[in-house]
Amino acid sequence: MAKTIQVRVDDHLKDSADLLFSSLGLDTSTAVRMFLVAAMEKGGIPFDVKRDGGWDLAIRESIARRQAGQRFYTIEECMTELDDAIAAEVANGAN
């Protein structure tokens, strides 16, 4: 018997993931099943989970903005802020 997993994600993430997986010939449910199988085979998350200076800082700052009541009005604004933070890290010689 199959069980159902429900996960809440924002509309943009779901739509983007659907498009990505579709371009790979998959549906999102199949991609999630592939992740779960890979996790079981590896005995953990099937990719490195680590903190990265630039990304981590940019994400924490974005979360702090959101908690302070500020919002990104577009995904482009959010991505520009993240890209700028990453570019600054690269310019400073971070990996």
Protein backbone atom coordinates (compact mmCIF):
# COMPACT_ATOMS: atom_id res chain seq x y z
CA MET A 1 0.00 0.00 0.00
CA ALA A 2 1.30 3.47 -0.91
CA LYS A 3 1.45 6.33 1.58
CA THR A 4 1.07 10.01 0.79
CA ILE A 5 3.55 12.73 1.75
CA GLN A 6 2.33 16.32 1.74
CA VAL A 7 4.77 19.22 1.71
CA ARG A 8 3.89 22.91 1.66
CA VAL A 9 6.02 25.04 -0.64
CA ASP A 10 5.38 28.44 -2.15
CA ASP A 11 3.77 28.61 -5.58
CA HIS A 12 6.89 29.87 -7.36
CA LEU A 13 9.06 27.04 -6.01
CA LYS A 14 6.47 24.41 -6.98
CA ASP A 15 5.98 25.84 -10.47
CA SER A 16 9.75 26.13 -11.03
CA ALA A 17 10.36 22.58 -9.80
CA ASP A 18 7.54 21.26 -12.00
CA LEU A 19 9.12 22.94 -15.05
CA LEU A 20 12.59 21.67 -14.21
CA PHE A 21 11.48 18.09 -13.64
CA SER A 22 9.27 18.16 -16.72
CA SER A 23 12.29 19.25 -18.79
CA LEU A 24 14.03 16.14 -17.45
CA GLY A 25 11.10 13.91 -18.42
CA LEU A 26 9.88 13.54 -14.82
CA ASP A 27 6.97 14.69 -12.76
CA THR A 28 7.56 16.18 -9.32
CA SER A 29 6.26 13.10 -7.51
CA THR A 30 8.76 10.90 -9.33
CA ALA A 31 11.60 13.32 -8.54
CA VAL A 32 10.68 13.25 -4.84
CA ARG A 33 10.57 9.44 -4.91
CA MET A 34 14.03 9.45 -6.54
CA PHE A 35 15.31 11.69 -3.73
CA LEU A 36 13.88 9.34 -1.08
CA VAL A 37 15.38 6.25 -2.75
CA ALA A 38 18.78 7.98 -3.06
CA ALA A 39 18.62 8.99 0.62
CA MET A 40 17.90 5.41 1.66
CA GLU A 41 20.73 4.07 -0.52
CA LYS A 42 23.20 6.61 0.88
CA GLY A 43 21.92 6.32 4.44
CA GLY A 44 21.41 10.09 4.64
CA ILE A 45 20.85 13.18 2.54
CA PRO A 46 22.12 12.29 -0.95
CA PHE A 47 24.11 15.52 -1.33
CA ASP A 48 26.36 17.62 0.87
CA VAL A 49 24.52 19.75 3.39
CA LYS A 50 26.81 22.47 4.61
CA ARG A 51 26.97 26.12 5.39
CA ASP A 52 28.50 28.37 2.77
CA GLY A 53 29.70 31.80 3.91
CA GLY A 54 28.14 33.96 1.19
CA TRP A 55 24.99 31.99 0.66
CA ASP A 56 24.46 31.42 4.36
CA LEU A 57 24.90 35.07 5.25
CA ALA A 58 22.63 36.25 2.43
CA ILE A 59 19.94 33.77 3.39
CA ARG A 60 20.14 34.72 7.09
CA GLU A 61 19.91 38.40 6.18
CA SER A 62 16.89 37.71 3.98
CA ILE A 63 15.21 35.80 6.80
CA ALA A 64 15.96 38.67 9.19
CA ARG A 65 14.40 41.12 6.71
CA ARG A 66 11.29 38.98 6.51
CA GLN A 67 11.05 38.65 10.32
CA ALA A 68 11.41 42.43 10.61
CA GLY A 69 8.33 42.81 8.44
CA GLN A 70 10.16 43.69 5.23
CA ARG A 71 9.32 41.78 2.10
CA PHE A 72 10.76 41.15 -1.29
CA TYR A 73 8.24 42.34 -3.81
CA THR A 74 9.51 40.16 -6.63
CA ILE A 75 11.61 37.04 -6.98
CA GLU A 76 13.99 39.13 -9.09
CA GLU A 77 14.61 41.48 -6.12
CA CYS A 78 15.36 38.50 -3.87
CA MET A 79 17.63 36.85 -6.44
CA THR A 80 19.47 40.12 -7.11
CA GLU A 81 20.23 40.47 -3.41
CA LEU A 82 21.48 36.88 -3.22
CA ASP A 83 23.53 37.25 -6.43
CA ASP A 84 25.13 40.45 -5.10
CA ALA A 85 26.06 38.71 -1.84
CA ILE A 86 27.57 35.76 -3.69
CA ALA A 87 29.49 38.03 -6.06
CA ALA A 88 30.90 39.91 -3.07
CA GLU A 89 32.06 36.61 -1.54
CA VAL A 90 33.72 35.56 -4.81
CA ALA A 91 35.42 38.98 -5.11
CA ASN A 92 36.73 38.56 -1.57
CA GLY A 93 38.23 35.16 -2.45
CA ALA A 94 35.72 32.95 -0.58
CA ASN A 95 34.97 29.47 -1.88
